[in-house]
């Protein structure tokens, strides 16, 4: 029986087609949508579209018109982008605004390590906060908010989160040199402490969504077991949709690990709550 149960769970999280499963508190419908696919009609359900690691600074915009058309047709209720859109601030925000207009809904995003290129962490965050003030495109950096959509409440927590062993490109320090690893490791530790504190203060009966660029560590998932319903991340260039410690983990990257060209066509993953 244990082997059968394991096999059923594996199939539910691995087959790339619409599927259903039940966690201890919430039901999710998971879709890897394809162009032209109609959005299912579910009364009062919230459609969250997820995408990251567009890396539009590489100049390869093939398929982006189709991506915008898909957002318009799918008409989700919320877009979530966990970073690495474009290393140029103005271009990144222009693209994020286009995504929001095409979908007709708000966009929540966190900064990826590439989004900090050429600036310090504080300067980059300040610029994006100024640009997103009063817009439907909103930066989250150690921020949390409640969203009311279709009569349901979502509690969203967002941060770059960093990685305890990050060794890729990132922000600059006060000497205009790449910020050293120990400093970014401290930033990760601070983000973990912030998130754990915020999660424990949140209402237990509200659907909780965490958005980070760097994926969660086993330690933070263990400490917040049963308190986070959905965790959206990027950075790894590996798509995923699985459940650990009662948390659904979702990543959807335009660039896959080992590939120098973007996925075409590229469409977001959609989670229906």
Protein backbone atom coordinates (compact mmCIF):
# COMPACT_ATOMS: atom_id res chain seq x y z
CA UNK A 1 0.00 0.00 0.00
CA UNK A 2 2.83 2.41 0.82
CA UNK A 3 4.34 1.80 -2.62
CA UNK A 4 0.99 2.48 -4.31
CA UNK A 5 0.51 5.70 -2.30
CA UNK A 6 3.99 6.90 -3.28
CA UNK A 7 3.35 6.11 -6.94
CA UNK A 8 0.06 8.03 -6.91
CA UNK A 9 1.67 11.07 -5.31
CA UNK A 10 4.56 10.96 -7.80
CA UNK A 11 2.15 10.92 -10.73
CA UNK A 12 0.09 13.80 -9.35
CA UNK A 13 3.07 16.15 -9.13
CA UNK A 14 5.04 15.03 -12.18
CA UNK A 15 2.67 14.69 -15.12
CA UNK A 16 2.74 17.97 -17.15
CA UNK A 17 -1.04 18.21 -17.62
CA UNK A 18 -3.93 19.50 -15.47
CA UNK A 19 -4.08 17.53 -12.25
CA UNK A 20 -5.59 17.75 -8.80
CA UNK A 21 -4.45 16.86 -5.33
CA UNK A 22 -5.36 17.88 -1.82
CA UNK A 23 -3.01 19.18 0.84
CA UNK A 24 -4.02 19.15 4.49
CA UNK A 25 -5.84 22.50 4.24
CA UNK A 26 -6.26 23.61 0.63
CA UNK A 27 -6.99 22.23 -2.83
CA UNK A 28 -4.87 23.29 -5.78
CA UNK A 29 -5.44 22.81 -9.46
CA UNK A 30 -2.10 22.85 -11.24
CA UNK A 31 -1.76 23.76 -14.88
CA UNK A 32 1.24 23.97 -17.17
CA UNK A 33 -0.64 26.01 -19.71
CA UNK A 34 0.00 25.97 -23.42
CA UNK A 35 -0.78 28.70 -25.96
CA UNK A 36 -4.44 28.77 -26.90
CA UNK A 37 -5.56 26.78 -23.87
CA UNK A 38 -8.75 28.15 -22.34
CA UNK A 39 -8.84 29.04 -18.68
CA UNK A 40 -11.08 26.65 -16.73
CA UNK A 41 -14.21 28.20 -15.29
CA UNK A 42 -14.14 27.69 -11.51
CA UNK A 43 -16.42 29.89 -9.45
CA UNK A 44 -14.45 32.16 -7.10
CA UNK A 45 -11.15 30.44 -7.91
CA UNK A 46 -8.01 32.57 -8.05
CA UNK A 47 -5.67 32.08 -11.02
CA UNK A 48 -2.03 32.92 -10.23
CA UNK A 49 0.40 32.91 -13.17
CA UNK A 50 4.07 32.37 -12.35
CA UNK A 51 7.19 33.03 -14.46
CA UNK A 52 10.81 34.04 -13.89
CA UNK A 53 14.35 34.22 -15.23
CA UNK A 54 13.38 35.90 -18.49
CA UNK A 55 16.91 37.35 -18.84
CA UNK A 56 15.78 39.83 -21.47
CA UNK A 57 19.14 41.63 -21.14
CA UNK A 58 20.49 38.94 -23.48
CA UNK A 59 18.53 40.55 -26.31
CA UNK A 60 16.62 37.41 -27.21
CA UNK A 61 12.98 38.53 -27.26
CA UNK A 62 11.70 35.79 -29.56
CA UNK A 63 8.38 34.49 -28.34
CA UNK A 64 7.62 37.48 -26.08
CA UNK A 65 4.77 38.73 -28.31
CA UNK A 66 3.19 35.31 -27.97
CA UNK A 67 3.84 35.39 -24.23
CA UNK A 68 1.98 38.71 -23.94
CA UNK A 69 -0.87 37.34 -26.07
CA UNK A 70 -1.11 34.33 -23.79
CA UNK A 71 -1.33 36.53 -20.69
CA UNK A 72 -4.12 38.52 -22.34
CA UNK A 73 -6.08 35.41 -23.27
CA UNK A 74 -5.52 33.61 -19.95
CA UNK A 75 -6.55 36.73 -17.97
CA UNK A 76 -5.16 35.57 -14.59
CA UNK A 77 -6.03 37.31 -11.34
CA UNK A 78 -2.41 37.81 -10.26
CA UNK A 79 1.05 37.64 -11.83
CA UNK A 80 4.04 36.61 -9.74
CA UNK A 81 7.58 37.07 -11.06
CA UNK A 82 10.46 35.95 -8.82
CA UNK A 83 13.13 37.96 -10.58
CA UNK A 84 15.87 38.11 -13.22
CA UNK A 85 13.78 40.02 -15.75
CA UNK A 86 16.42 42.42 -17.12
CA UNK A 87 19.66 43.85 -15.74
CA UNK A 88 18.58 47.36 -16.82
CA UNK A 89 16.10 48.83 -14.33
CA UNK A 90 14.09 50.84 -16.87
CA UNK A 91 13.80 47.90 -19.26
CA UNK A 92 12.86 45.48 -16.49
CA UNK A 93 10.10 47.74 -15.24
CA UNK A 94 8.85 48.38 -18.79
CA UNK A 95 8.50 44.66 -19.40
CA UNK A 96 6.82 44.05 -16.04
CA UNK A 97 4.36 46.84 -16.80
CA UNK A 98 3.60 45.31 -20.20
CA UNK A 99 2.92 41.94 -18.57
CA UNK A 100 0.53 43.56 -16.11
CA UNK A 101 -1.32 45.46 -18.87
CA UNK A 102 -1.61 42.37 -21.05
CA UNK A 103 -2.99 40.26 -18.21
CA UNK A 104 -5.14 43.04 -16.80
CA UNK A 105 -4.11 42.28 -13.24
CA UNK A 106 -1.49 43.26 -10.62
CA UNK A 107 2.08 41.97 -10.79
CA UNK A 108 4.11 41.17 -7.68
CA UNK A 109 7.84 40.71 -8.16
CA UNK A 110 11.06 40.27 -6.25
CA UNK A 111 14.52 41.11 -7.53
CA UNK A 112 16.82 38.41 -8.85
CA UNK A 113 20.59 38.62 -8.48
CA UNK A 114 20.91 39.83 -12.10
CA UNK A 115 18.41 42.62 -11.45
CA UNK A 116 20.94 44.22 -9.07
CA UNK A 117 23.64 44.40 -11.77
CA UNK A 118 25.84 47.51 -11.48
CA UNK A 119 24.28 48.86 -8.28
CA UNK A 120 24.23 48.25 -4.56
CA UNK A 121 21.36 46.37 -2.97
CA UNK A 122 19.98 49.44 -1.21
CA UNK A 123 20.19 51.64 -4.30
CA UNK A 124 18.50 49.07 -6.53
CA UNK A 125 15.67 48.46 -4.06
CA UNK A 126 15.13 52.20 -3.62
CA UNK A 127 14.90 52.78 -7.39
CA UNK A 128 12.38 49.98 -7.88
CA UNK A 129 10.29 51.13 -4.92
CA UNK A 130 10.09 54.63 -6.40
CA UNK A 131 9.11 53.27 -9.81
CA UNK A 132 6.43 50.95 -8.45
CA UNK A 133 4.78 53.54 -6.17
CA UNK A 134 1.12 53.78 -7.13
CA UNK A 135 1.47 51.18 -9.90
CA UNK A 136 -0.01 47.74 -10.41
CA UNK A 137 3.56 46.45 -10.57
CA UNK A 138 4.83 46.13 -7.03
CA UNK A 139 8.28 45.25 -5.69
CA UNK A 140 8.43 43.09 -2.60
CA UNK A 141 11.63 43.09 -0.56
CA UNK A 142 11.07 41.82 2.96
CA UNK A 143 7.48 42.96 2.54
CA UNK A 144 4.18 41.25 3.24
CA UNK A 145 0.66 42.18 2.23
CA UNK A 146 -2.89 40.90 2.17
CA UNK A 147 -4.67 40.74 -1.17
CA UNK A 148 -8.41 40.25 -1.50
CA UNK A 149 -9.29 38.56 -4.79
CA UNK A 150 -12.70 37.13 -5.65
CA UNK A 151 -13.76 37.16 -2.03
CA UNK A 152 -10.68 35.26 -0.88
CA UNK A 153 -7.70 36.61 1.03
CA UNK A 154 -4.11 35.82 0.12
CA UNK A 155 -1.21 36.73 2.37
CA UNK A 156 1.94 37.27 0.28
CA UNK A 157 5.53 37.52 1.58
CA UNK A 158 8.36 38.54 -0.76
CA UNK A 159 12.14 38.89 -0.73
CA UNK A 160 15.15 38.15 -2.94
CA UNK A 161 16.12 35.80 -0.08
CA UNK A 162 19.61 35.23 -1.48
CA UNK A 163 21.36 31.93 -1.02
CA UNK A 164 23.74 30.99 1.78
CA UNK A 165 26.26 29.96 -0.88
CA UNK A 166 25.48 32.38 -3.73
CA UNK A 167 28.40 32.68 -6.16
CA UNK A 168 26.77 34.23 -9.22
CA UNK A 169 26.54 37.82 -10.38
CA UNK A 170 24.94 40.24 -7.96
CA UNK A 171 25.03 43.71 -6.40
CA UNK A 172 27.99 45.96 -5.72
CA UNK A 173 29.33 47.02 -2.34
CA UNK A 174 30.26 50.54 -1.16
CA UNK A 175 33.57 50.25 -3.03
CA UNK A 176 31.78 49.53 -6.31
CA UNK A 177 33.05 45.98 -6.24
CA UNK A 178 30.98 42.77 -6.24
CA UNK A 179 29.39 42.34 -2.83
CA UNK A 180 31.35 39.58 -1.07
CA UNK A 181 29.87 36.21 -0.25
CA UNK A 182 29.82 36.68 3.58
CA UNK A 183 27.68 39.79 3.16
CA UNK A 184 25.14 37.98 0.97
CA UNK A 185 25.12 35.04 3.37
CA UNK A 186 24.17 37.48 6.15
CA UNK A 187 21.44 38.89 3.91
CA UNK A 188 20.05 35.37 3.51
CA UNK A 189 20.09 34.80 7.26
CA UNK A 190 18.30 38.12 7.84
CA UNK A 191 15.68 37.23 5.23
CA UNK A 192 15.09 33.84 6.87
CA UNK A 193 14.61 35.45 10.29
CA UNK A 194 12.25 38.04 8.81
CA UNK A 195 10.17 35.45 6.99
CA UNK A 196 9.90 33.08 9.94
CA UNK A 197 8.78 35.95 12.19
CA UNK A 198 6.21 37.22 9.67
CA UNK A 199 4.83 33.76 8.92
CA UNK A 200 4.30 32.99 12.61
CA UNK A 201 2.37 36.24 13.03
CA UNK A 202 0.08 35.59 10.04
CA UNK A 203 -3.46 34.28 10.40
CA UNK A 204 -3.36 30.47 10.14
CA UNK A 205 -6.58 30.27 8.09
CA UNK A 206 -5.35 32.58 5.30
CA UNK A 207 -3.72 31.16 2.17
CA UNK A 208 -0.01 32.06 2.48
CA UNK A 209 2.22 32.67 -0.55
CA UNK A 210 5.98 33.24 -0.36
CA UNK A 211 7.84 34.72 -3.35
CA UNK A 212 11.66 34.60 -3.46
CA UNK A 213 14.26 34.59 -6.19
CA UNK A 214 16.47 32.03 -4.51
CA UNK A 215 14.70 28.77 -3.65
CA UNK A 216 13.89 27.80 -0.06
CA UNK A 217 16.36 25.80 1.97
CA UNK A 218 15.40 22.58 3.75
CA UNK A 219 15.92 24.39 7.06
CA UNK A 220 13.38 27.16 6.43
CA UNK A 221 10.85 24.68 5.06
CA UNK A 222 11.18 22.63 8.22
CA UNK A 223 10.85 25.65 10.50
CA UNK A 224 7.69 26.85 8.70
CA UNK A 225 6.13 23.42 8.16
CA UNK A 226 2.36 23.65 7.78
CA UNK A 227 2.42 27.48 7.67
CA UNK A 228 3.20 28.20 3.98
CA UNK A 229 0.83 26.98 1.29
CA UNK A 230 2.65 28.11 -1.87
CA UNK A 231 6.32 29.05 -2.39
CA UNK A 232 7.26 30.54 -5.76
CA UNK A 233 10.96 30.91 -6.62
CA UNK A 234 13.40 31.17 -9.53
CA UNK A 235 17.18 31.30 -10.06
CA UNK A 236 17.87 27.60 -10.59
CA UNK A 237 16.71 27.49 -14.23
CA UNK A 238 14.98 24.22 -13.35
CA UNK A 239 11.20 24.07 -13.51
CA UNK A 240 9.51 22.40 -10.59
CA UNK A 241 6.09 21.76 -9.12
CA UNK A 242 6.13 19.53 -6.07
CA UNK A 243 5.19 19.50 -2.40
CA UNK A 244 7.51 19.43 0.62
CA UNK A 245 6.36 19.73 4.22
CA UNK A 246 2.83 20.69 3.07
CA UNK A 247 4.19 23.56 0.94
CA UNK A 248 3.66 23.58 -2.82
CA UNK A 249 6.93 24.63 -4.53
CA UNK A 250 6.64 26.15 -8.00
CA UNK A 251 9.28 27.48 -10.42
CA UNK A 252 8.82 28.38 -14.08
CA UNK A 253 11.92 29.59 -15.96
CA UNK A 254 12.24 30.98 -19.48
CA UNK A 255 15.84 29.76 -19.61
CA UNK A 256 16.52 26.15 -18.69
CA UNK A 257 19.79 25.07 -17.11
CA UNK A 258 22.44 24.31 -19.71
CA UNK A 259 20.56 26.09 -22.52
CA UNK A 260 21.82 29.32 -24.08
CA UNK A 261 18.49 30.00 -25.79
CA UNK A 262 15.09 30.67 -24.23
CA UNK A 263 12.19 28.26 -24.27
CA UNK A 264 9.91 28.98 -27.24
CA UNK A 265 6.99 28.98 -26.79
CA UNK A 266 7.20 30.07 -23.18
CA UNK A 267 4.08 30.35 -21.04
CA UNK A 268 3.68 30.68 -17.29
CA UNK A 269 2.65 27.99 -14.87
CA UNK A 270 -0.76 28.68 -13.37
CA UNK A 271 -1.88 27.73 -9.88
CA UNK A 272 -5.62 27.81 -9.24
CA UNK A 273 -6.56 28.32 -5.59
